[in-house]
């Protein structure tokens, strides 16, 4: 079984969805699926160095008080899966392309999920600027990657074509938001689903894969 997790590193629901997927995998150890991070940039038009969060919210949020209430609700939900959302620490909203380049580099070393979760934690719990190259290098080193190789991948934008291709594929699948979980390339569910729902989806995919092919003689 393969699970493609379409996410953006500036999406709090993606962080929640990743934690719930981790719980679902623990509930179904017999499947041991291959989980792959897939990029889906929510704000690709942002300057490469991002924007101050206050300025970003001023241009995107019509009702700031209602938005803040939503953050409080999300913070309470996060605690149920061990996430301590600290929206108050976030000073900048980054362009997430560099963070996806880092995760793509980590994928070539077999550490993309570990690195993806580390980047999410840095942004949402530590208030780090995950658009900053030095910060991304630090996070990559935290996950066992080499400083010089990370910096080279980020500066040279290694893997950028693959990121663009993955995002185009997401559009072809009809995905319009994240997180989204695509099982075996064909069965997709969207949103930060509860762990039970994700585990049940794995059951369904496994059951369908076990059915005989009607075209077999």
N, C-alpha and C. Protein backbone atom coordinates (compact mmCIF):
# COMPACT_ATOMS: atom_id res chain seq x y z
N UNK A 1 0.84 -1.19 0.00
CA UNK A 1 0.00 0.00 0.00
C UNK A 1 0.88 1.25 0.00
N UNK A 2 0.44 2.25 -0.73
CA UNK A 2 1.15 3.53 -0.77
C UNK A 2 0.18 4.64 -0.39
N UNK A 3 0.64 5.55 0.44
CA UNK A 3 -0.16 6.71 0.82
C UNK A 3 0.61 7.97 0.46
N UNK A 4 0.04 8.76 -0.45
CA UNK A 4 0.62 10.05 -0.78
C UNK A 4 -0.09 11.12 0.05
N UNK A 5 0.68 11.81 0.86
CA UNK A 5 0.14 12.84 1.75
C UNK A 5 0.43 14.21 1.14
N UNK A 6 -0.59 14.82 0.56
CA UNK A 6 -0.44 16.16 -0.02
C UNK A 6 -0.58 17.19 1.10
N UNK A 7 0.45 18.02 1.24
CA UNK A 7 0.50 18.96 2.37
C UNK A 7 1.25 20.23 1.99
N UNK A 8 1.01 21.25 2.80
CA UNK A 8 1.85 22.44 2.75
C UNK A 8 2.40 22.68 4.14
N UNK A 9 3.59 23.21 4.21
CA UNK A 9 4.25 23.40 5.50
C UNK A 9 3.72 24.59 6.28
N UNK A 10 2.82 25.37 5.69
CA UNK A 10 2.21 26.50 6.40
C UNK A 10 0.74 26.22 6.70
N UNK A 11 0.34 24.96 6.62
CA UNK A 11 -1.05 24.58 6.85
C UNK A 11 -1.17 23.86 8.19
N UNK A 12 -1.81 24.47 9.19
CA UNK A 12 -1.93 23.82 10.49
C UNK A 12 -2.73 22.52 10.43
N UNK A 13 -3.71 22.47 9.54
CA UNK A 13 -4.51 21.25 9.40
C UNK A 13 -3.66 20.11 8.84
N UNK A 14 -2.65 20.44 8.06
CA UNK A 14 -1.74 19.41 7.55
C UNK A 14 -0.93 18.80 8.69
N UNK A 15 -0.51 19.64 9.62
CA UNK A 15 0.21 19.15 10.80
C UNK A 15 -0.69 18.21 11.59
N UNK A 16 -1.93 18.63 11.79
CA UNK A 16 -2.88 17.79 12.50
C UNK A 16 -3.13 16.49 11.74
N UNK A 17 -3.28 16.59 10.42
CA UNK A 17 -3.52 15.41 9.61
C UNK A 17 -2.37 14.43 9.65
N UNK A 18 -1.14 14.96 9.67
CA UNK A 18 0.03 14.07 9.73
C UNK A 18 0.06 13.32 11.05
N UNK A 19 -0.25 13.99 12.16
CA UNK A 19 -0.26 13.32 13.46
C UNK A 19 -1.36 12.25 13.50
N UNK A 20 -2.51 12.55 12.93
CA UNK A 20 -3.58 11.57 12.91
C UNK A 20 -3.24 10.38 12.02
N UNK A 21 -2.54 10.64 10.93
CA UNK A 21 -2.09 9.54 10.09
C UNK A 21 -1.12 8.66 10.85
N UNK A 22 -0.24 9.26 11.61
CA UNK A 22 0.70 8.48 12.42
C UNK A 22 -0.06 7.56 13.38
N UNK A 23 -1.13 8.09 13.99
CA UNK A 23 -1.94 7.27 14.90
C UNK A 23 -2.63 6.14 14.14
N UNK A 24 -3.14 6.45 12.94
CA UNK A 24 -3.80 5.42 12.13
C UNK A 24 -2.84 4.32 11.74
N UNK A 25 -1.61 4.67 11.41
CA UNK A 25 -0.62 3.66 11.05
C UNK A 25 -0.31 2.75 12.23
N UNK A 26 -0.30 3.33 13.43
CA UNK A 26 -0.07 2.52 14.63
C UNK A 26 -1.24 1.56 14.87
N UNK A 27 -2.44 1.96 14.44
CA UNK A 27 -3.62 1.11 14.60
C UNK A 27 -3.65 -0.03 13.58
N UNK A 28 -2.93 0.11 12.47
CA UNK A 28 -2.92 -0.91 11.41
C UNK A 28 -1.48 -1.28 11.05
N UNK A 29 -0.72 -1.82 11.99
CA UNK A 29 0.69 -2.13 11.71
C UNK A 29 0.87 -3.20 10.64
N UNK A 30 -0.17 -3.99 10.39
CA UNK A 30 -0.04 -5.06 9.40
C UNK A 30 0.13 -4.54 7.97
N UNK A 31 -0.28 -3.30 7.73
CA UNK A 31 -0.20 -2.78 6.37
C UNK A 31 1.18 -2.18 6.04
N UNK A 32 1.79 -1.52 7.01
CA UNK A 32 3.12 -0.90 6.82
C UNK A 32 3.23 -0.21 5.47
N UNK A 33 2.35 0.73 5.18
CA UNK A 33 2.38 1.38 3.86
C UNK A 33 3.58 2.29 3.67
N UNK A 34 3.91 2.52 2.42
CA UNK A 34 4.92 3.52 2.09
C UNK A 34 4.22 4.87 2.07
N UNK A 35 4.65 5.78 2.95
CA UNK A 35 4.04 7.11 3.03
C UNK A 35 4.98 8.10 2.36
N UNK A 36 4.43 8.88 1.44
CA UNK A 36 5.23 9.86 0.71
C UNK A 36 4.63 11.25 0.86
N UNK A 37 5.47 12.22 1.17
CA UNK A 37 5.06 13.63 1.24
C UNK A 37 4.94 14.15 -0.18
N UNK A 38 3.82 14.82 -0.46
CA UNK A 38 3.62 15.46 -1.75
C UNK A 38 3.34 16.95 -1.53
N UNK A 39 3.99 17.84 -2.27
CA UNK A 39 3.84 19.28 -2.05
C UNK A 39 2.54 19.83 -2.63
N UNK A 40 2.01 20.81 -1.95
CA UNK A 40 0.82 21.53 -2.42
C UNK A 40 0.91 22.93 -1.83
N UNK A 41 1.43 23.87 -2.60
CA UNK A 41 1.69 25.22 -2.08
C UNK A 41 0.40 26.06 -2.06
N UNK A 42 0.06 26.54 -0.89
CA UNK A 42 -1.17 27.32 -0.73
C UNK A 42 -0.98 28.78 -1.12
N UNK A 43 0.24 29.29 -0.98
CA UNK A 43 0.49 30.71 -1.27
C UNK A 43 1.71 30.87 -2.18
N UNK A 44 1.69 30.26 -3.37
CA UNK A 44 2.88 30.31 -4.22
C UNK A 44 3.23 31.70 -4.71
N UNK A 45 2.26 32.63 -4.61
CA UNK A 45 2.50 33.98 -5.12
C UNK A 45 3.25 34.87 -4.13
N UNK A 46 3.48 34.40 -2.91
CA UNK A 46 4.18 35.21 -1.92
C UNK A 46 5.62 35.47 -2.35
N UNK A 47 6.19 36.61 -1.94
CA UNK A 47 7.62 36.83 -2.20
C UNK A 47 8.43 35.68 -1.62
N UNK A 48 9.57 35.39 -2.21
CA UNK A 48 10.36 34.24 -1.78
C UNK A 48 10.75 34.34 -0.31
N UNK A 49 10.88 35.54 0.22
CA UNK A 49 11.22 35.71 1.64
C UNK A 49 10.00 35.87 2.53
N UNK A 50 8.80 35.71 1.96
CA UNK A 50 7.59 35.75 2.75
C UNK A 50 7.14 37.16 3.10
N UNK A 51 6.14 37.22 3.99
CA UNK A 51 5.59 38.50 4.44
C UNK A 51 5.42 38.47 5.96
N UNK A 52 5.45 39.65 6.56
CA UNK A 52 5.11 39.73 7.97
C UNK A 52 3.69 39.20 8.15
N UNK A 53 3.49 38.42 9.19
CA UNK A 53 2.20 37.76 9.36
C UNK A 53 1.06 38.76 9.52
N UNK A 54 1.30 39.84 10.24
CA UNK A 54 0.25 40.84 10.43
C UNK A 54 -0.18 41.43 9.09
N UNK A 55 0.79 41.69 8.23
CA UNK A 55 0.48 42.24 6.91
C UNK A 55 -0.27 41.21 6.07
N UNK A 56 0.18 39.96 6.15
CA UNK A 56 -0.48 38.88 5.40
C UNK A 56 -1.94 38.74 5.81
N UNK A 57 -2.19 38.70 7.12
CA UNK A 57 -3.56 38.54 7.62
C UNK A 57 -4.43 39.73 7.25
N UNK A 58 -3.83 40.91 7.25
CA UNK A 58 -4.60 42.11 6.92
C UNK A 58 -5.15 42.07 5.50
N UNK A 59 -4.43 41.37 4.60
CA UNK A 59 -4.87 41.31 3.21
C UNK A 59 -5.69 40.06 2.91
N UNK A 60 -5.72 39.09 3.83
CA UNK A 60 -6.39 37.83 3.54
C UNK A 60 -7.60 37.55 4.43
N UNK A 61 -7.66 38.17 5.59
CA UNK A 61 -8.69 37.83 6.57
C UNK A 61 -9.66 38.99 6.73
N UNK A 62 -10.93 38.72 6.48
CA UNK A 62 -11.95 39.77 6.58
C UNK A 62 -12.34 40.05 8.03
N UNK A 63 -12.42 39.00 8.84
CA UNK A 63 -12.83 39.13 10.24
C UNK A 63 -11.73 38.56 11.11
N UNK A 64 -10.84 39.41 11.59
CA UNK A 64 -9.68 38.95 12.35
C UNK A 64 -10.07 38.30 13.66
N UNK A 65 -11.10 38.84 14.33
CA UNK A 65 -11.52 38.25 15.60
C UNK A 65 -12.03 36.83 15.41
N UNK A 66 -12.81 36.63 14.38
CA UNK A 66 -13.31 35.28 14.08
C UNK A 66 -12.15 34.34 13.73
N UNK A 67 -11.17 34.86 13.01
CA UNK A 67 -9.99 34.07 12.66
C UNK A 67 -9.24 33.65 13.92
N UNK A 68 -9.08 34.57 14.87
CA UNK A 68 -8.38 34.26 16.12
C UNK A 68 -9.13 33.21 16.92
N UNK A 69 -10.46 33.28 16.90
CA UNK A 69 -11.26 32.26 17.59
C UNK A 69 -11.03 30.90 16.96
N UNK A 70 -10.93 30.88 15.62
CA UNK A 70 -10.65 29.63 14.93
C UNK A 70 -9.30 29.05 15.32
N UNK A 71 -8.32 29.92 15.53
CA UNK A 71 -7.01 29.45 15.96
C UNK A 71 -7.09 28.83 17.35
N UNK A 72 -7.91 29.41 18.22
CA UNK A 72 -8.06 28.85 19.57
C UNK A 72 -8.68 27.46 19.52
N UNK A 73 -9.67 27.30 18.66
CA UNK A 73 -10.30 25.98 18.49
C UNK A 73 -9.28 24.98 17.97
N UNK A 74 -8.51 25.39 16.98
CA UNK A 74 -7.50 24.51 16.41
C UNK A 74 -6.44 24.15 17.44
N UNK A 75 -6.07 25.11 18.28
CA UNK A 75 -5.08 24.84 19.32
C UNK A 75 -5.60 23.78 20.29
N UNK A 76 -6.88 23.83 20.63
CA UNK A 76 -7.46 22.83 21.51
C UNK A 76 -7.47 21.46 20.85
N UNK A 77 -7.79 21.41 19.57
CA UNK A 77 -7.78 20.13 18.84
C UNK A 77 -6.36 19.58 18.79
N UNK A 78 -5.40 20.46 18.56
CA UNK A 78 -4.01 20.03 18.45
C UNK A 78 -3.52 19.34 19.71
N UNK A 79 -3.95 19.82 20.86
CA UNK A 79 -3.50 19.22 22.12
C UNK A 79 -3.88 17.76 22.22
N UNK A 80 -4.96 17.36 21.54
CA UNK A 80 -5.40 15.96 21.61
C UNK A 80 -4.43 15.01 20.91
N UNK A 81 -3.57 15.56 20.04
CA UNK A 81 -2.59 14.70 19.36
C UNK A 81 -1.16 15.14 19.68
N UNK A 82 -1.01 15.92 20.74
CA UNK A 82 0.32 16.30 21.19
C UNK A 82 0.94 17.48 20.49
N UNK A 83 0.12 18.29 19.83
CA UNK A 83 0.62 19.49 19.15
C UNK A 83 0.32 20.71 20.02
N UNK A 84 1.34 21.53 20.27
CA UNK A 84 1.17 22.76 21.03
C UNK A 84 1.26 23.94 20.05
N UNK A 85 0.15 24.24 19.39
CA UNK A 85 0.16 25.34 18.43
C UNK A 85 0.49 26.65 19.14
N UNK A 86 1.47 27.39 18.60
CA UNK A 86 1.84 28.69 19.15
C UNK A 86 1.79 29.72 18.03
N UNK A 87 0.57 30.04 17.61
CA UNK A 87 0.40 31.02 16.54
C UNK A 87 0.97 32.38 16.94
N UNK A 88 1.02 32.64 18.25
CA UNK A 88 1.52 33.92 18.72
C UNK A 88 3.01 34.11 18.46
N UNK A 89 3.73 33.01 18.21
CA UNK A 89 5.17 33.09 17.97
C UNK A 89 5.51 33.32 16.50
N UNK A 90 4.53 33.14 15.62
CA UNK A 90 4.79 33.24 14.19
C UNK A 90 4.82 34.71 13.77
N UNK A 91 5.96 35.16 13.28
CA UNK A 91 6.12 36.56 12.87
C UNK A 91 6.00 36.73 11.36
N UNK A 92 6.36 35.69 10.60
CA UNK A 92 6.32 35.79 9.14
C UNK A 92 5.56 34.59 8.55
N UNK A 93 4.86 34.86 7.46
CA UNK A 93 4.27 33.78 6.66
C UNK A 93 5.21 33.58 5.48
N UNK A 94 5.87 32.43 5.41
CA UNK A 94 6.87 32.24 4.37
C UNK A 94 6.26 31.78 3.05
N UNK A 95 6.99 32.01 1.99
CA UNK A 95 6.75 31.26 0.77
C UNK A 95 7.28 29.86 1.06
N UNK A 96 6.46 28.83 0.88
CA UNK A 96 6.85 27.49 1.35
C UNK A 96 7.70 26.70 0.36
N UNK A 97 8.05 27.29 -0.79
CA UNK A 97 8.81 26.54 -1.80
C UNK A 97 10.13 26.00 -1.25
N UNK A 98 10.88 26.83 -0.52
CA UNK A 98 12.16 26.36 0.00
C UNK A 98 11.99 25.18 0.96
N UNK A 99 10.96 25.23 1.78
CA UNK A 99 10.75 24.12 2.71
C UNK A 99 10.42 22.83 1.95
N UNK A 100 9.69 22.95 0.83
CA UNK A 100 9.40 21.76 0.03
C UNK A 100 10.66 21.25 -0.67
N UNK A 101 11.55 22.17 -1.05
CA UNK A 101 12.83 21.75 -1.62
C UNK A 101 13.64 20.97 -0.59
N UNK A 102 13.59 21.41 0.66
CA UNK A 102 14.29 20.70 1.73
C UNK A 102 13.70 19.30 1.91
N UNK A 103 12.38 19.21 1.91
CA UNK A 103 11.74 17.91 2.09
C UNK A 103 12.04 17.00 0.90
N UNK A 104 12.10 17.57 -0.30
CA UNK A 104 12.46 16.78 -1.48
C UNK A 104 13.88 16.25 -1.35
N UNK A 105 14.78 17.07 -0.82
CA UNK A 105 16.16 16.61 -0.59
C UNK A 105 16.16 15.48 0.45
N UNK A 106 15.37 15.65 1.50
CA UNK A 106 15.28 14.61 2.52
C UNK A 106 14.73 13.32 1.95
N UNK A 107 13.81 13.41 0.98
CA UNK A 107 13.25 12.22 0.36
C UNK A 107 14.33 11.40 -0.33
N UNK A 108 15.31 12.07 -0.90
CA UNK A 108 16.40 11.36 -1.56
C UNK A 108 17.29 10.66 -0.56
N UNK A 109 17.10 10.97 0.73
CA UNK A 109 17.86 10.31 1.80
C UNK A 109 16.94 9.44 2.66
N UNK A 110 15.69 9.28 2.20
CA UNK A 110 14.75 8.42 2.92
C UNK A 110 14.21 9.02 4.21
N UNK A 111 14.19 10.35 4.32
CA UNK A 111 13.79 10.99 5.58
C UNK A 111 12.73 12.07 5.37
N UNK A 112 11.93 11.96 4.33
CA UNK A 112 11.02 13.06 4.00
C UNK A 112 9.91 13.23 5.03
N UNK A 113 9.34 12.16 5.56
CA UNK A 113 8.25 12.30 6.53
C UNK A 113 8.78 12.86 7.85
N UNK A 114 9.93 12.35 8.28
CA UNK A 114 10.56 12.87 9.49
C UNK A 114 10.85 14.36 9.34
N UNK A 115 11.38 14.74 8.18
CA UNK A 115 11.75 16.13 7.95
C UNK A 115 10.50 17.00 7.82
N UNK A 116 9.48 16.48 7.11
CA UNK A 116 8.24 17.24 6.97
C UNK A 116 7.62 17.57 8.31
N UNK A 117 7.60 16.60 9.20
CA UNK A 117 7.03 16.84 10.52
C UNK A 117 7.90 17.80 11.33
N UNK A 118 9.21 17.71 11.14
CA UNK A 118 10.10 18.63 11.87
C UNK A 118 9.87 20.07 11.43
N UNK A 119 9.67 20.28 10.12
CA UNK A 119 9.42 21.62 9.62
C UNK A 119 8.09 22.16 10.15
N UNK A 120 7.07 21.33 10.15
CA UNK A 120 5.77 21.75 10.69
C UNK A 120 5.88 22.12 12.16
N UNK A 121 6.60 21.31 12.92
CA UNK A 121 6.76 21.61 14.34
C UNK A 121 7.53 22.92 14.54
N UNK A 122 8.55 23.13 13.73
CA UNK A 122 9.33 24.36 13.85
C UNK A 122 8.47 25.59 13.60
N UNK A 123 7.60 25.50 12.61
CA UNK A 123 6.78 26.66 12.27
C UNK A 123 5.66 26.89 13.27
N UNK A 124 4.92 25.83 13.57
CA UNK A 124 3.71 26.01 14.36
C UNK A 124 3.91 25.94 15.87
N UNK A 125 5.00 25.35 16.33
CA UNK A 125 5.23 25.26 17.77
C UNK A 125 6.39 26.14 18.24
N UNK A 126 7.31 26.45 17.32
CA UNK A 126 8.50 27.20 17.71
C UNK A 126 8.56 28.59 17.08
N UNK A 127 7.66 28.86 16.13
CA UNK A 127 7.64 30.17 15.49
C UNK A 127 8.82 30.44 14.58
N UNK A 128 9.44 29.41 14.04
CA UNK A 128 10.61 29.59 13.17
C UNK A 128 10.20 30.09 11.79
N UNK A 129 11.09 30.81 11.17
CA UNK A 129 10.88 31.27 9.79
C UNK A 129 11.34 30.15 8.86
N UNK A 130 10.41 29.33 8.39
CA UNK A 130 10.77 28.17 7.58
C UNK A 130 10.96 28.54 6.10
N UNK A 131 11.03 29.83 5.82
CA UNK A 131 11.41 30.28 4.49
C UNK A 131 12.87 30.71 4.44
N UNK A 132 13.51 30.76 5.59
CA UNK A 132 14.89 31.22 5.71
C UNK A 132 15.84 30.04 5.48
N UNK A 133 16.81 30.23 4.61
CA UNK A 133 17.72 29.13 4.25
C UNK A 133 18.50 28.63 5.46
N UNK A 134 19.05 29.53 6.26
CA UNK A 134 19.83 29.10 7.42
C UNK A 134 18.97 28.29 8.40
N UNK A 135 17.73 28.72 8.57
CA UNK A 135 16.82 28.00 9.47
C UNK A 135 16.52 26.61 8.92
N UNK A 136 16.31 26.52 7.62
CA UNK A 136 16.03 25.22 7.01
C UNK A 136 17.23 24.29 7.09
N UNK A 137 18.42 24.85 6.92
CA UNK A 137 19.63 24.04 7.07
C UNK A 137 19.69 23.47 8.48
N UNK A 138 19.40 24.29 9.46
CA UNK A 138 19.42 23.82 10.86
C UNK A 138 18.44 22.68 11.07
N UNK A 139 17.24 22.82 10.51
CA UNK A 139 16.23 21.78 10.69
C UNK A 139 16.65 20.49 9.98
N UNK A 140 17.26 20.64 8.81
CA UNK A 140 17.74 19.45 8.11
C UNK A 140 18.83 18.73 8.88
N UNK A 141 19.75 19.50 9.45
CA UNK A 141 20.81 18.90 10.26
C UNK A 141 20.21 18.20 11.48
N UNK A 142 19.16 18.77 12.06
CA UNK A 142 18.47 18.14 13.18
C UNK A 142 18.01 16.73 12.82
N UNK A 143 17.69 16.53 11.53
CA UNK A 143 17.18 15.24 11.08
C UNK A 143 18.27 14.37 10.45
N UNK A 144 19.52 14.74 10.66
CA UNK A 144 20.63 13.90 10.23
C UNK A 144 21.15 14.16 8.84
N UNK A 145 20.71 15.24 8.20
CA UNK A 145 21.21 15.58 6.87
C UNK A 145 22.46 16.45 6.97
N UNK A 146 23.22 16.51 5.89
CA UNK A 146 24.47 17.24 5.90
C UNK A 146 24.27 18.70 5.51
N UNK A 147 24.90 19.58 6.29
CA UNK A 147 24.76 21.02 6.11
C UNK A 147 25.03 21.45 4.67
N UNK A 148 26.19 21.09 4.13
CA UNK A 148 26.58 21.55 2.79
C UNK A 148 25.64 21.03 1.72
N UNK A 149 25.18 19.79 1.86
CA UNK A 149 24.28 19.21 0.87
C UNK A 149 22.92 19.90 0.91
N UNK A 150 22.45 20.21 2.10
CA UNK A 150 21.16 20.92 2.23
C UNK A 150 21.26 22.29 1.57
N UNK A 151 22.30 23.02 1.92
CA UNK A 151 22.46 24.38 1.41
C UNK A 151 22.55 24.37 -0.12
N UNK A 152 23.28 23.42 -0.66
CA UNK A 152 23.41 23.32 -2.11
C UNK A 152 22.06 23.04 -2.76
N UNK A 153 21.28 22.11 -2.16
CA UNK A 153 19.97 21.77 -2.72
C UNK A 153 19.04 22.97 -2.71
N UNK A 154 19.11 23.76 -1.65
CA UNK A 154 18.23 24.93 -1.54
C UNK A 154 18.64 26.04 -2.49
N UNK A 155 19.93 26.29 -2.58
CA UNK A 155 20.42 27.37 -3.44
C UNK A 155 20.22 27.03 -4.91
N UNK A 156 20.49 25.77 -5.27
CA UNK A 156 20.36 25.35 -6.66
C UNK A 156 18.92 24.93 -7.02
N UNK A 157 18.06 24.90 -6.00
CA UNK A 157 16.67 24.50 -6.18
C UNK A 157 16.54 23.11 -6.79
N UNK A 158 17.35 22.20 -6.28
CA UNK A 158 17.31 20.82 -6.76
C UNK A 158 15.95 20.20 -6.44
N UNK A 159 15.37 19.58 -7.43
CA UNK A 159 14.07 18.94 -7.24
C UNK A 159 12.88 19.83 -7.50
N UNK A 160 13.13 21.07 -7.95
CA UNK A 160 12.02 22.00 -8.16
C UNK A 160 11.06 21.51 -9.24
N UNK A 161 11.59 20.92 -10.31
CA UNK A 161 10.72 20.41 -11.37
C UNK A 161 9.78 19.33 -10.84
N UNK A 162 10.29 18.50 -9.95
CA UNK A 162 9.47 17.43 -9.38
C UNK A 162 8.36 18.00 -8.50
N UNK A 163 8.64 19.10 -7.81
CA UNK A 163 7.62 19.75 -6.99
C UNK A 163 6.50 20.29 -7.86
N UNK A 164 6.87 20.96 -8.93
CA UNK A 164 5.87 21.50 -9.86
C UNK A 164 5.05 20.37 -10.47
N UNK A 165 5.72 19.28 -10.85
CA UNK A 165 5.01 18.14 -11.44
C UNK A 165 4.04 17.51 -10.45
N UNK A 166 4.45 17.40 -9.19
CA UNK A 166 3.58 16.81 -8.17
C UNK A 166 2.35 17.68 -7.94
N UNK A 167 2.52 18.99 -7.98
CA UNK A 167 1.39 19.89 -7.78
C UNK A 167 0.43 19.83 -8.97
N UNK A 168 0.96 19.69 -10.16
CA UNK A 168 0.10 19.53 -11.33
C UNK A 168 -0.67 18.22 -11.26
N UNK A 169 -0.01 17.19 -10.76
CA UNK A 169 -0.69 15.91 -10.61
C UNK A 169 -1.82 16.02 -9.60
N UNK A 170 -1.59 16.79 -8.53
CA UNK A 170 -2.65 16.99 -7.54
C UNK A 170 -3.88 17.62 -8.18
N UNK A 171 -3.65 18.59 -9.06
CA UNK A 171 -4.76 19.22 -9.78
C UNK A 171 -5.48 18.21 -10.66
N UNK A 172 -4.71 17.34 -11.32
CA UNK A 172 -5.33 16.33 -12.19
C UNK A 172 -6.17 15.34 -11.39
N UNK A 173 -5.84 15.16 -10.12
CA UNK A 173 -6.62 14.27 -9.26
C UNK A 173 -7.86 14.96 -8.70
N UNK A 174 -7.98 16.25 -8.96
CA UNK A 174 -9.12 17.01 -8.46
C UNK A 174 -8.94 17.55 -7.06
N UNK A 175 -7.72 17.55 -6.55
CA UNK A 175 -7.47 18.06 -5.21
C UNK A 175 -7.47 19.58 -5.23
N UNK A 176 -8.21 20.17 -4.31
CA UNK A 176 -8.30 21.63 -4.25
C UNK A 176 -7.81 22.19 -2.92
N UNK A 177 -7.47 21.34 -1.98
CA UNK A 177 -6.98 21.78 -0.68
C UNK A 177 -6.22 20.67 0.01
N UNK A 178 -5.62 21.02 1.11
CA UNK A 178 -4.83 20.06 1.88
C UNK A 178 -5.19 20.16 3.36
N UNK A 179 -4.93 19.06 4.11
CA UNK A 179 -4.27 17.84 3.67
C UNK A 179 -5.20 16.97 2.83
N UNK A 180 -4.57 16.13 2.01
CA UNK A 180 -5.30 15.13 1.24
C UNK A 180 -4.48 13.85 1.25
N UNK A 181 -5.17 12.74 1.39
CA UNK A 181 -4.52 11.43 1.47
C UNK A 181 -4.94 10.63 0.24
N UNK A 182 -3.98 10.22 -0.55
CA UNK A 182 -4.27 9.45 -1.77
C UNK A 182 -3.68 8.06 -1.60
N UNK A 183 -4.56 7.06 -1.64
CA UNK A 183 -4.16 5.68 -1.42
C UNK A 183 -3.96 4.97 -2.75
N UNK A 184 -2.77 4.41 -2.94
CA UNK A 184 -2.44 3.66 -4.15
C UNK A 184 -2.71 4.44 -5.44
N UNK A 185 -2.63 5.77 -5.34
CA UNK A 185 -2.74 6.60 -6.52
C UNK A 185 -4.14 6.82 -7.04
N UNK A 186 -5.16 6.22 -6.39
CA UNK A 186 -6.51 6.31 -6.96
C UNK A 186 -7.59 6.72 -5.95
N UNK A 187 -7.45 6.32 -4.70
CA UNK A 187 -8.49 6.55 -3.71
C UNK A 187 -8.07 7.71 -2.81
N UNK A 188 -8.84 8.79 -2.83
CA UNK A 188 -8.43 10.00 -2.12
C UNK A 188 -9.47 10.42 -1.09
N UNK A 189 -9.00 10.90 0.05
CA UNK A 189 -9.87 11.55 1.03
C UNK A 189 -9.19 12.85 1.47
N UNK A 190 -9.99 13.87 1.69
CA UNK A 190 -9.46 15.19 2.00
C UNK A 190 -9.77 15.59 3.42
N UNK A 191 -8.97 16.51 3.93
CA UNK A 191 -9.18 17.04 5.26
C UNK A 191 -8.39 16.29 6.32
N UNK A 192 -8.26 16.92 7.49
CA UNK A 192 -7.52 16.32 8.60
C UNK A 192 -8.39 15.28 9.28
N UNK A 193 -8.58 14.15 8.60
CA UNK A 193 -9.47 13.11 9.07
C UNK A 193 -9.02 12.54 10.41
N UNK A 194 -9.99 12.06 11.18
CA UNK A 194 -9.68 11.38 12.43
C UNK A 194 -8.90 10.10 12.12
N UNK A 195 -8.13 9.64 13.09
CA UNK A 195 -7.32 8.44 12.90
C UNK A 195 -8.17 7.24 12.52
N UNK A 196 -9.35 7.11 13.13
CA UNK A 196 -10.23 5.98 12.82
C UNK A 196 -10.63 5.99 11.35
N UNK A 197 -10.92 7.17 10.81
CA UNK A 197 -11.33 7.27 9.41
C UNK A 197 -10.18 6.87 8.49
N UNK A 198 -8.98 7.27 8.84
CA UNK A 198 -7.82 6.91 8.02
C UNK A 198 -7.54 5.41 8.11
N UNK A 199 -7.69 4.85 9.29
CA UNK A 199 -7.49 3.40 9.45
C UNK A 199 -8.53 2.63 8.65
N UNK A 200 -9.77 3.10 8.68
CA UNK A 200 -10.83 2.44 7.91
C UNK A 200 -10.56 2.54 6.41
N UNK A 201 -10.01 3.67 5.98
CA UNK A 201 -9.67 3.82 4.57
C UNK A 201 -8.60 2.81 4.16
N UNK A 202 -7.64 2.58 5.04
CA UNK A 202 -6.62 1.57 4.75
C UNK A 202 -7.24 0.19 4.65
N UNK A 203 -8.20 -0.10 5.53
CA UNK A 203 -8.91 -1.39 5.47
C UNK A 203 -9.60 -1.56 4.13
N UNK A 204 -10.27 -0.50 3.68
CA UNK A 204 -11.01 -0.56 2.42
C UNK A 204 -10.08 -0.76 1.24
N UNK A 205 -8.98 -0.01 1.22
CA UNK A 205 -8.03 -0.13 0.12
C UNK A 205 -7.42 -1.53 0.09
N UNK A 206 -7.07 -2.05 1.27
CA UNK A 206 -6.49 -3.40 1.33
C UNK A 206 -7.50 -4.45 0.87
N UNK A 207 -8.76 -4.29 1.27
CA UNK A 207 -9.80 -5.25 0.88
C UNK A 207 -10.01 -5.23 -0.63
N UNK A 208 -10.03 -4.05 -1.21
CA UNK A 208 -10.24 -3.94 -2.65
C UNK A 208 -9.05 -4.51 -3.42
N UNK A 209 -7.85 -4.31 -2.88
CA UNK A 209 -6.66 -4.85 -3.54
C UNK A 209 -6.64 -6.37 -3.52
N UNK A 210 -7.32 -6.95 -2.52
CA UNK A 210 -7.33 -8.41 -2.38
C UNK A 210 -8.38 -9.08 -3.27
N UNK A 211 -9.29 -8.29 -3.84
CA UNK A 211 -10.33 -8.87 -4.71
C UNK A 211 -9.71 -9.39 -6.01
N UNK A 212 -10.24 -10.48 -6.56
CA UNK A 212 -9.70 -11.01 -7.83
C UNK A 212 -10.00 -10.05 -8.97
N UNK A 213 -9.11 -9.98 -9.92
CA UNK A 213 -9.31 -9.14 -11.10
C UNK A 213 -10.36 -9.81 -11.99
N UNK A 214 -11.49 -9.13 -12.28
CA UNK A 214 -12.53 -9.75 -13.09
C UNK A 214 -12.08 -10.08 -14.51
N UNK A 215 -10.95 -9.52 -14.94
CA UNK A 215 -10.45 -9.81 -16.28
C UNK A 215 -9.58 -11.04 -16.31
N UNK A 216 -9.22 -11.56 -15.11
CA UNK A 216 -8.43 -12.79 -15.09
C UNK A 216 -9.29 -13.96 -15.53
N UNK A 217 -8.73 -14.90 -16.30
CA UNK A 217 -9.50 -16.06 -16.74
C UNK A 217 -9.86 -16.96 -15.57
